[in-house]
Amino acid sequence: MKLRVLGSSSSGNCYLLESETECLIIECGVKFAEVKKALDFNTSKIVGVIASHSHKDHFGYARDYLKAGIPIRASQETWGSLDFEVDKIMRCGYWYQFGGFNVTAFDCVHDVECYGFIIRHDKIGTLLFATDTEYIKYNFKSLKLDHILIECNYSQKIIDSRVENEELHQGLRNRVLKSHMELETCKSFIKANMTPNLMNVCLLHLSDGNSHSEQFKEEVQEVVGSQVCVTVADKGMELVLDICP
């Protein structure tokens, strides 16, 4: 099983959890044509899509996936952004099965209704996915997470410096602070949820202007130690997630 990143920014978000026989898609913020190309047009292995929220960079191409017959699970508010009735509502606290994947959702803290996900599969163990959230109000340490895919959008120092230098509007700064995860918040969450099971931490949705990928990676690596692989989800990145190396 591997993670393939087709987009992890405000331009579009899409992540594939792919084995030889199955593929679960997280977010439909890139064209379905890009997914088909990434899968060598073997779309029969797609077991479904889960979407965190209604913003276009996460849900903007949902109609394309639906037209291709790909089932999508999302919150009622997220579906409401498309203005038509569906029966694939996802609710927090319930488990949903997509092939060999089992998924449950939890609330995030964004400017619209937004979900994070716990994903389980025999090949990868337990994976947490969370993006576009100011913070995460739950502790998952008892789940003994094997993989954490988490937003690390900006640095407080960088964003304040850009406002001071008049490179960034104060209003945009305030919106980012209330809807996206800062480096120190990300590090605190990872530290609070670490167990010896943790194998991978992948940093998602880094801001183009308010982050520094190498710095962020180094600081998170200091938190988790050398036994955990820390990566940044750049477009085109692939990461092996097998629970047994």
Protein backbone atom coordinates (compact mmCIF):
# COMPACT_ATOMS: atom_id res chain seq x y z
CA MET A 1 0.00 0.00 0.00
CA LYS A 2 1.30 3.44 -0.85
CA LEU A 3 0.23 7.05 -0.55
CA ARG A 4 0.32 9.02 -3.79
CA VAL A 5 -0.06 12.80 -3.66
CA LEU A 6 -1.79 14.39 -6.66
CA GLY A 7 -2.17 17.75 -4.94
CA SER A 8 -1.71 19.24 -1.47
CA SER A 9 -2.25 22.99 -1.69
CA SER A 10 -4.85 25.66 -2.29
CA SER A 11 -4.57 24.81 -6.00
CA GLY A 12 -6.09 21.38 -5.39
CA ASN A 13 -5.97 18.46 -2.98
CA CYS A 14 -6.12 14.75 -3.76
CA TYR A 15 -4.45 11.75 -2.14
CA LEU A 16 -4.54 8.11 -3.23
CA LEU A 17 -4.18 5.18 -0.84
CA GLU A 18 -3.35 2.52 -3.40
CA SER A 19 -2.52 -1.17 -3.40
CA GLU A 20 -2.33 -3.52 -6.37
CA THR A 21 -6.07 -4.19 -6.13
CA GLU A 22 -7.67 -1.21 -4.34
CA CYS A 23 -7.54 2.57 -4.23
CA LEU A 24 -9.25 4.90 -1.76
CA ILE A 25 -9.24 8.55 -2.81
CA ILE A 26 -9.08 11.28 -0.15
CA GLU A 27 -10.36 14.63 -1.47
CA CYS A 28 -11.58 15.35 -5.00
CA GLY A 29 -9.96 18.73 -5.57
CA VAL A 30 -8.16 17.75 -8.78
CA LYS A 31 -9.62 16.64 -12.10
CA PHE A 32 -10.65 13.00 -12.33
CA ALA A 33 -8.53 12.82 -15.49
CA GLU A 34 -5.43 13.23 -13.28
CA VAL A 35 -6.54 10.32 -11.11
CA LYS A 36 -7.11 8.12 -14.15
CA LYS A 37 -3.66 8.92 -15.46
CA ALA A 38 -2.05 8.20 -12.08
CA LEU A 39 -3.78 4.80 -11.98
CA ASP A 40 -2.82 3.95 -15.57
CA PHE A 41 -6.56 4.16 -16.31
CA ASN A 42 -7.30 1.16 -14.06
CA THR A 43 -10.24 2.94 -12.41
CA SER A 44 -11.91 -0.36 -11.51
CA LYS A 45 -9.68 -0.53 -8.43
CA ILE A 46 -11.21 2.67 -6.98
CA VAL A 47 -13.38 1.73 -4.01
CA GLY A 48 -14.55 5.26 -3.22
CA VAL A 49 -13.81 8.86 -2.34
CA ILE A 50 -13.95 10.59 1.04
CA ALA A 51 -14.03 14.39 1.11
CA SER A 52 -13.28 16.61 4.10
CA HIS A 53 -15.27 19.74 3.19
CA SER A 54 -16.91 21.82 0.50
CA HIS A 55 -14.13 24.20 -0.57
CA LYS A 56 -13.24 23.89 -4.25
CA ASP A 57 -9.65 22.80 -3.66
CA HIS A 58 -11.03 19.73 -1.84
CA PHE A 59 -14.44 19.09 -3.44
CA GLY A 60 -14.43 21.11 -6.63
CA TYR A 61 -14.41 18.17 -9.05
CA ALA A 62 -16.92 15.99 -7.23
CA ARG A 63 -19.30 16.01 -10.19
CA ASP A 64 -16.62 14.52 -12.45
CA TYR A 65 -16.12 11.61 -10.05
CA LEU A 66 -19.85 11.03 -9.71
CA LYS A 67 -20.30 11.01 -13.50
CA ALA A 68 -17.64 8.30 -13.67
CA GLY A 69 -19.64 6.20 -11.20
CA ILE A 70 -17.24 6.70 -8.28
CA PRO A 71 -19.03 6.74 -4.89
CA ILE A 72 -18.28 9.71 -2.63
CA ARG A 73 -18.87 10.08 1.09
CA ALA A 74 -19.03 13.57 2.58
CA SER A 75 -20.96 15.54 5.18
CA GLN A 76 -24.45 16.85 4.50
CA GLU A 77 -23.18 20.44 4.40
CA THR A 78 -20.49 19.47 1.91
CA TRP A 79 -23.05 17.82 -0.37
CA GLY A 80 -25.21 20.93 -0.01
CA SER A 81 -22.58 22.94 -1.86
CA LEU A 82 -23.50 20.97 -5.01
CA ASP A 83 -27.21 21.70 -4.55
CA PHE A 84 -28.59 18.25 -5.29
CA GLU A 85 -29.81 15.29 -3.26
CA VAL A 86 -27.46 12.40 -2.52
CA ASP A 87 -27.57 9.35 -0.29
CA LYS A 88 -23.87 9.08 0.59
CA ILE A 89 -23.90 11.25 3.72
CA MET A 90 -21.01 10.68 6.13
CA ARG A 91 -21.60 11.29 9.83
CA CYS A 92 -19.11 11.43 12.66
CA GLY A 93 -19.03 8.38 14.92
CA TYR A 94 -20.07 5.88 12.26
CA TRP A 95 -17.80 3.47 10.38
CA TYR A 96 -18.00 3.20 6.59
CA GLN A 97 -16.49 0.41 4.50
CA PHE A 98 -14.79 0.90 1.13
CA GLY A 99 -13.39 -2.43 0.00
CA GLY A 100 -10.76 -3.33 2.59
CA PHE A 101 -10.75 0.20 4.04
CA ASN A 102 -12.79 1.15 7.10
CA VAL A 103 -13.26 4.88 7.70
CA THR A 104 -14.75 7.03 10.44
CA ALA A 105 -14.89 10.83 10.60
CA PHE A 106 -14.31 13.43 13.32
CA ASP A 107 -15.00 17.18 13.43
CA CYS A 108 -12.28 19.65 12.52
CA VAL A 109 -12.14 23.41 13.16
CA HIS A 110 -12.49 25.32 9.90
CA ASP A 111 -14.71 28.10 8.49
CA VAL A 112 -17.12 25.49 7.08
CA GLU A 113 -18.07 22.01 8.32
CA CYS A 114 -14.92 19.95 7.92
CA TYR A 115 -14.00 16.35 8.75
CA GLY A 116 -10.83 14.52 9.56
CA PHE A 117 -10.65 10.75 9.11
CA ILE A 118 -9.42 7.62 10.83
CA ILE A 119 -8.70 5.00 8.19
CA ARG A 120 -7.99 1.34 8.91
CA HIS A 121 -6.76 -1.35 6.54
CA ASP A 122 -4.99 -4.66 7.18
CA LYS A 123 -2.01 -3.54 5.09
CA ILE A 124 -1.42 -0.16 6.75
CA GLY A 125 -2.86 -0.44 10.25
CA THR A 126 -4.42 2.83 11.47
CA LEU A 127 -3.99 6.14 9.67
CA LEU A 128 -5.14 9.62 10.69
CA PHE A 129 -5.86 12.27 8.06
CA ALA A 130 -6.62 15.89 8.99
CA THR A 131 -6.35 19.08 6.99
CA ASP A 132 -7.83 22.59 6.95
CA THR A 133 -8.28 22.78 10.70
CA GLU A 134 -7.08 25.29 13.28
CA TYR A 135 -6.49 22.46 15.76
CA ILE A 136 -7.74 18.96 16.58
CA LYS A 137 -9.82 18.75 19.73
CA TYR A 138 -9.47 14.99 20.24
CA ASN A 139 -6.69 12.71 21.42
CA PHE A 140 -6.16 9.48 19.47
CA LYS A 141 -3.24 8.00 21.39
CA SER A 142 -5.26 4.94 22.43
CA LEU A 143 -5.64 4.03 18.73
CA LYS A 144 -1.85 3.61 18.43
CA LEU A 145 -1.67 5.40 15.10
CA ASP A 146 0.70 3.94 12.53
CA HIS A 147 0.56 6.94 10.18
CA ILE A 148 -0.32 10.60 10.69
CA LEU A 149 -1.18 12.74 7.66
CA ILE A 150 -1.71 16.21 9.05
CA GLU A 151 -1.88 19.82 7.92
CA CYS A 152 1.12 22.01 8.74
CA ASN A 153 0.06 25.12 6.88
CA TYR A 154 2.06 28.05 8.23
CA SER A 155 4.48 29.45 10.78
CA GLN A 156 3.32 32.22 13.11
CA LYS A 157 6.70 33.94 12.75
CA ILE A 158 6.60 33.84 8.94
CA ILE A 159 3.02 35.06 8.59
CA ASP A 160 3.49 37.91 11.12
CA SER A 161 6.69 38.99 9.35
CA ARG A 162 4.84 39.11 6.00
CA VAL A 163 2.09 41.28 7.51
CA GLU A 164 4.68 43.60 9.04
CA ASN A 165 6.43 43.91 5.67
CA GLU A 166 3.05 44.56 3.99
CA GLU A 167 3.37 41.41 1.89
CA LEU A 168 0.14 39.99 3.36
CA HIS A 169 -3.14 41.64 4.30
CA GLN A 170 -4.07 41.55 7.99
CA GLY A 171 -7.53 40.19 7.17
CA LEU A 172 -6.12 37.19 5.31
CA ARG A 173 -3.72 36.54 8.20
CA ASN A 174 -6.65 36.47 10.63
CA ARG A 175 -8.59 34.05 8.45
CA VAL A 176 -5.61 31.68 8.17
CA LEU A 177 -5.10 31.71 11.94
CA LYS A 178 -8.72 30.65 12.51
CA SER A 179 -8.94 27.96 9.83
CA HIS A 180 -5.54 26.31 9.28
CA MET A 181 -2.98 24.55 11.45
CA GLU A 182 0.19 26.32 12.56
CA LEU A 183 3.55 24.53 12.89
CA GLU A 184 3.63 24.55 16.71
CA THR A 185 0.03 23.27 16.91
CA CYS A 186 0.93 20.49 14.51
CA LYS A 187 3.98 19.51 16.54
CA SER A 188 1.96 19.50 19.77
CA PHE A 189 -0.69 17.21 18.27
CA ILE A 190 1.90 14.76 16.96
CA LYS A 191 3.71 14.68 20.30
CA ALA A 192 0.44 14.06 22.19
CA ASN A 193 -0.51 11.17 19.90
CA MET A 194 2.84 9.41 19.47
CA THR A 195 3.25 5.76 20.37
CA PRO A 196 5.92 3.19 19.40
CA ASN A 197 3.58 2.17 16.54
CA LEU A 198 4.09 5.43 14.67
CA MET A 199 5.92 4.88 11.38
CA ASN A 200 5.12 7.87 9.20
CA VAL A 201 4.24 11.54 9.58
CA CYS A 202 3.31 13.33 6.37
CA LEU A 203 2.85 17.12 6.46
CA LEU A 204 -0.05 18.35 4.30
CA HIS A 205 -1.22 21.59 2.71
CA LEU A 206 1.83 23.79 3.35
CA SER A 207 1.16 27.41 2.39
CA ASP A 208 3.23 28.67 -0.54
CA GLY A 209 4.12 31.93 1.19
CA ASN A 210 3.74 31.20 4.90
CA SER A 211 5.78 28.02 5.31
CA HIS A 212 9.25 26.61 4.80
CA SER A 213 9.11 22.90 3.98
CA GLU A 214 12.64 21.93 5.03
CA GLN A 215 12.37 23.81 8.33
CA PHE A 216 8.98 22.27 9.07
CA LYS A 217 10.24 18.79 8.27
CA GLU A 218 13.32 19.22 10.48
CA GLU A 219 11.32 20.51 13.44
CA VAL A 220 8.77 17.69 13.24
CA GLN A 221 11.60 15.16 12.90
CA GLU A 222 13.01 16.44 16.19
CA VAL A 223 9.65 15.74 17.83
CA VAL A 224 9.24 12.17 16.57
CA GLY A 225 12.86 10.99 16.54
CA SER A 226 14.87 9.16 13.91
CA GLN A 227 12.72 6.00 13.90
CA VAL A 228 9.77 7.81 12.27
CA CYS A 229 9.78 8.86 8.62
CA VAL A 230 8.75 12.52 8.15
CA THR A 231 7.78 13.71 4.67
CA VAL A 232 6.14 16.74 3.05
CA ALA A 233 3.22 16.05 0.72
CA ASP A 234 4.44 17.66 -2.48
CA LYS A 235 2.61 16.92 -5.71
CA GLY A 236 3.93 13.70 -7.21
CA MET A 237 5.25 12.31 -3.94
CA GLU A 238 4.83 8.59 -3.19
CA LEU A 239 5.21 7.00 0.25
CA VAL A 240 5.05 3.31 1.16
CA LEU A 241 2.65 2.77 4.08
CA ASP A 242 2.88 -1.01 4.56
CA ILE A 243 2.64 -1.90 8.22
CA CYS A 244 5.27 -4.61 7.68
CA PRO A 245 8.35 -3.08 5.95
